[in-house]
Amino acid sequence: MAIKVYGTTQRPDTRECLAQFEEKNIPVEFMDIEKLENLKAFLRIRDREPIYDEVKANGGVGIPLLEIDGSYTFDF
């Protein structure tokens, strides 16, 4: 199972998400959206995925985002 976490360590919820995975010794690929290539990948997902419809309607950003084997969730 491949897990990617899109976010920024500037946000406490992203830090908490990463800490929970680390605590459980679950490897993740952290996609730091402060890096341009990761931000572009995140924005492509945000622009296309229905999971973001409500987030965008409410003016939110929607991070951290977890990508698990091609599916997306905000639950960690």
N, C-alpha and C. Protein backbone atom coordinates (compact mmCIF):
# COMPACT_ATOMS: atom_id res chain seq x y z
N MET A 1 0.86 -1.18 0.00
CA MET A 1 0.00 0.00 0.00
C MET A 1 0.89 1.24 0.00
N ALA A 2 0.72 2.10 -0.99
CA ALA A 2 1.47 3.34 -1.09
C ALA A 2 0.63 4.48 -0.54
N ILE A 3 1.23 5.26 0.35
CA ILE A 3 0.53 6.41 0.95
C ILE A 3 1.33 7.67 0.69
N LYS A 4 0.67 8.66 0.10
CA LYS A 4 1.25 9.99 -0.06
C LYS A 4 0.45 10.95 0.81
N VAL A 5 1.16 11.85 1.45
CA VAL A 5 0.52 12.90 2.24
C VAL A 5 0.90 14.24 1.62
N TYR A 6 -0.11 14.96 1.12
CA TYR A 6 0.10 16.30 0.57
C TYR A 6 -0.20 17.30 1.67
N GLY A 7 0.72 18.21 1.90
CA GLY A 7 0.51 19.23 2.92
C GLY A 7 1.75 20.06 3.10
N THR A 8 1.76 20.78 4.21
CA THR A 8 2.91 21.61 4.57
C THR A 8 3.10 21.51 6.08
N THR A 9 4.35 21.44 6.49
CA THR A 9 4.63 21.36 7.92
C THR A 9 4.34 22.68 8.63
N GLN A 10 3.98 23.69 7.89
CA GLN A 10 3.55 24.96 8.49
C GLN A 10 2.18 24.82 9.16
N ARG A 11 1.44 23.77 8.78
CA ARG A 11 0.10 23.53 9.33
C ARG A 11 0.16 22.47 10.42
N PRO A 12 -0.41 22.76 11.60
CA PRO A 12 -0.38 21.78 12.69
C PRO A 12 -1.06 20.47 12.35
N ASP A 13 -2.12 20.51 11.55
CA ASP A 13 -2.82 19.26 11.22
C ASP A 13 -1.96 18.37 10.32
N THR A 14 -1.14 18.95 9.46
CA THR A 14 -0.23 18.15 8.65
C THR A 14 0.84 17.53 9.54
N ARG A 15 1.38 18.30 10.47
CA ARG A 15 2.38 17.76 11.39
C ARG A 15 1.80 16.61 12.22
N GLU A 16 0.56 16.76 12.67
CA GLU A 16 -0.12 15.72 13.44
C GLU A 16 -0.31 14.47 12.60
N CYS A 17 -0.72 14.62 11.38
CA CYS A 17 -0.92 13.49 10.46
C CYS A 17 0.39 12.71 10.29
N LEU A 18 1.45 13.43 9.97
CA LEU A 18 2.74 12.77 9.77
C LEU A 18 3.22 12.09 11.05
N ALA A 19 3.00 12.73 12.19
CA ALA A 19 3.41 12.15 13.48
C ALA A 19 2.65 10.85 13.76
N GLN A 20 1.38 10.81 13.43
CA GLN A 20 0.60 9.59 13.66
C GLN A 20 1.12 8.43 12.81
N PHE A 21 1.46 8.68 11.58
CA PHE A 21 2.01 7.63 10.73
C PHE A 21 3.38 7.18 11.26
N GLU A 22 4.20 8.15 11.66
CA GLU A 22 5.53 7.82 12.19
C GLU A 22 5.42 6.99 13.47
N GLU A 23 4.50 7.37 14.34
CA GLU A 23 4.29 6.66 15.59
C GLU A 23 3.91 5.20 15.35
N LYS A 24 3.18 4.96 14.28
CA LYS A 24 2.73 3.61 13.96
C LYS A 24 3.68 2.89 12.99
N ASN A 25 4.82 3.53 12.71
CA ASN A 25 5.82 2.98 11.78
C ASN A 25 5.24 2.65 10.41
N ILE A 26 4.36 3.53 9.94
CA ILE A 26 3.77 3.37 8.61
C ILE A 26 4.49 4.35 7.67
N PRO A 27 5.17 3.81 6.67
CA PRO A 27 5.89 4.72 5.77
C PRO A 27 4.95 5.50 4.87
N VAL A 28 5.26 6.76 4.69
CA VAL A 28 4.50 7.63 3.79
C VAL A 28 5.47 8.43 2.95
N GLU A 29 5.00 8.87 1.81
CA GLU A 29 5.75 9.80 0.98
C GLU A 29 5.15 11.17 1.22
N PHE A 30 5.91 12.07 1.85
CA PHE A 30 5.41 13.40 2.14
C PHE A 30 5.61 14.29 0.93
N MET A 31 4.50 14.81 0.43
CA MET A 31 4.51 15.70 -0.73
C MET A 31 4.35 17.14 -0.21
N ASP A 32 5.47 17.74 0.13
CA ASP A 32 5.49 19.09 0.70
C ASP A 32 5.07 20.10 -0.37
N ILE A 33 3.90 20.69 -0.20
CA ILE A 33 3.38 21.60 -1.23
C ILE A 33 4.10 22.94 -1.25
N GLU A 34 5.10 23.10 -0.38
CA GLU A 34 5.93 24.30 -0.48
C GLU A 34 6.93 24.15 -1.62
N LYS A 35 7.09 22.94 -2.12
CA LYS A 35 7.94 22.69 -3.29
C LYS A 35 7.05 22.77 -4.53
N LEU A 36 7.50 23.49 -5.52
CA LEU A 36 6.68 23.80 -6.69
C LEU A 36 6.12 22.56 -7.39
N GLU A 37 6.95 21.54 -7.59
CA GLU A 37 6.47 20.36 -8.31
C GLU A 37 5.37 19.64 -7.51
N ASN A 38 5.47 19.63 -6.18
CA ASN A 38 4.45 19.01 -5.34
C ASN A 38 3.19 19.87 -5.30
N LEU A 39 3.36 21.18 -5.29
CA LEU A 39 2.21 22.08 -5.31
C LEU A 39 1.42 21.89 -6.60
N LYS A 40 2.12 21.78 -7.72
CA LYS A 40 1.44 21.57 -9.00
C LYS A 40 0.65 20.26 -8.99
N ALA A 41 1.25 19.20 -8.46
CA ALA A 41 0.56 17.90 -8.38
C ALA A 41 -0.68 18.01 -7.50
N PHE A 42 -0.54 18.69 -6.36
CA PHE A 42 -1.66 18.89 -5.44
C PHE A 42 -2.78 19.67 -6.12
N LEU A 43 -2.45 20.74 -6.81
CA LEU A 43 -3.47 21.56 -7.46
C LEU A 43 -4.19 20.81 -8.57
N ARG A 44 -3.48 19.93 -9.27
CA ARG A 44 -4.16 19.10 -10.28
C ARG A 44 -5.22 18.22 -9.62
N ILE A 45 -4.87 17.64 -8.48
CA ILE A 45 -5.83 16.81 -7.74
C ILE A 45 -6.98 17.69 -7.26
N ARG A 46 -6.67 18.81 -6.66
CA ARG A 46 -7.68 19.70 -6.08
C ARG A 46 -8.65 20.21 -7.15
N ASP A 47 -8.14 20.44 -8.33
CA ASP A 47 -8.98 20.95 -9.42
C ASP A 47 -9.91 19.89 -10.00
N ARG A 48 -9.54 18.61 -9.88
CA ARG A 48 -10.27 17.55 -10.57
C ARG A 48 -11.10 16.64 -9.70
N GLU A 49 -10.72 16.47 -8.45
CA GLU A 49 -11.36 15.45 -7.62
C GLU A 49 -12.60 15.97 -6.89
N PRO A 50 -13.69 15.23 -6.94
CA PRO A 50 -14.94 15.64 -6.28
C PRO A 50 -14.81 15.80 -4.76
N ILE A 51 -13.83 15.15 -4.15
CA ILE A 51 -13.63 15.29 -2.71
C ILE A 51 -13.42 16.77 -2.33
N TYR A 52 -12.98 17.57 -3.29
CA TYR A 52 -12.69 18.98 -3.03
C TYR A 52 -13.87 19.92 -3.29
N ASP A 53 -14.98 19.43 -3.79
CA ASP A 53 -16.10 20.31 -4.10
C ASP A 53 -16.54 21.12 -2.89
N GLU A 54 -16.77 20.47 -1.78
CA GLU A 54 -17.23 21.16 -0.57
C GLU A 54 -16.12 22.04 0.02
N VAL A 55 -14.89 21.55 -0.01
CA VAL A 55 -13.76 22.32 0.51
C VAL A 55 -13.65 23.65 -0.23
N LYS A 56 -13.68 23.59 -1.56
CA LYS A 56 -13.57 24.81 -2.36
C LYS A 56 -14.78 25.72 -2.16
N ALA A 57 -15.97 25.14 -2.03
CA ALA A 57 -17.17 25.94 -1.82
C ALA A 57 -17.10 26.72 -0.51
N ASN A 58 -16.39 26.17 0.47
CA ASN A 58 -16.24 26.82 1.77
C ASN A 58 -14.97 27.66 1.88
N GLY A 59 -14.22 27.78 0.79
CA GLY A 59 -13.02 28.61 0.78
C GLY A 59 -11.83 27.96 1.45
N GLY A 60 -11.86 26.64 1.61
CA GLY A 60 -10.76 25.93 2.28
C GLY A 60 -9.67 25.51 1.31
N VAL A 61 -8.59 25.00 1.90
CA VAL A 61 -7.46 24.50 1.12
C VAL A 61 -7.55 22.99 0.97
N GLY A 62 -7.85 22.30 2.06
CA GLY A 62 -8.01 20.85 2.01
C GLY A 62 -6.72 20.08 2.17
N ILE A 63 -5.91 20.46 3.17
CA ILE A 63 -4.72 19.69 3.50
C ILE A 63 -4.74 19.38 4.99
N PRO A 64 -4.17 18.31 5.41
CA PRO A 64 -3.47 17.34 4.59
C PRO A 64 -4.43 16.48 3.79
N LEU A 65 -3.97 16.09 2.63
CA LEU A 65 -4.69 15.17 1.76
C LEU A 65 -3.89 13.89 1.71
N LEU A 66 -4.57 12.76 1.87
CA LEU A 66 -3.90 11.47 1.77
C LEU A 66 -4.32 10.81 0.46
N GLU A 67 -3.32 10.32 -0.25
CA GLU A 67 -3.56 9.52 -1.44
C GLU A 67 -3.11 8.10 -1.11
N ILE A 68 -4.06 7.19 -1.10
CA ILE A 68 -3.77 5.80 -0.75
C ILE A 68 -4.17 4.93 -1.92
N ASP A 69 -3.17 4.39 -2.58
CA ASP A 69 -3.40 3.53 -3.75
C ASP A 69 -4.37 4.15 -4.76
N GLY A 70 -4.20 5.45 -5.02
CA GLY A 70 -5.00 6.13 -6.03
C GLY A 70 -6.32 6.69 -5.55
N SER A 71 -6.67 6.48 -4.28
CA SER A 71 -7.90 7.06 -3.71
C SER A 71 -7.52 8.19 -2.77
N TYR A 72 -8.43 9.14 -2.59
CA TYR A 72 -8.14 10.33 -1.79
C TYR A 72 -9.03 10.41 -0.57
N THR A 73 -8.44 10.90 0.52
CA THR A 73 -9.19 11.09 1.76
C THR A 73 -8.51 12.19 2.59
N PHE A 74 -9.30 12.77 3.48
CA PHE A 74 -8.77 13.72 4.45
C PHE A 74 -8.60 13.05 5.81
N ASP A 75 -9.07 11.82 5.93
CA ASP A 75 -9.03 11.11 7.21
C ASP A 75 -7.68 10.45 7.42
N PHE A 76 -7.09 10.76 8.55
CA PHE A 76 -5.84 10.09 8.90
C PHE A 76 -5.96 9.48 10.27
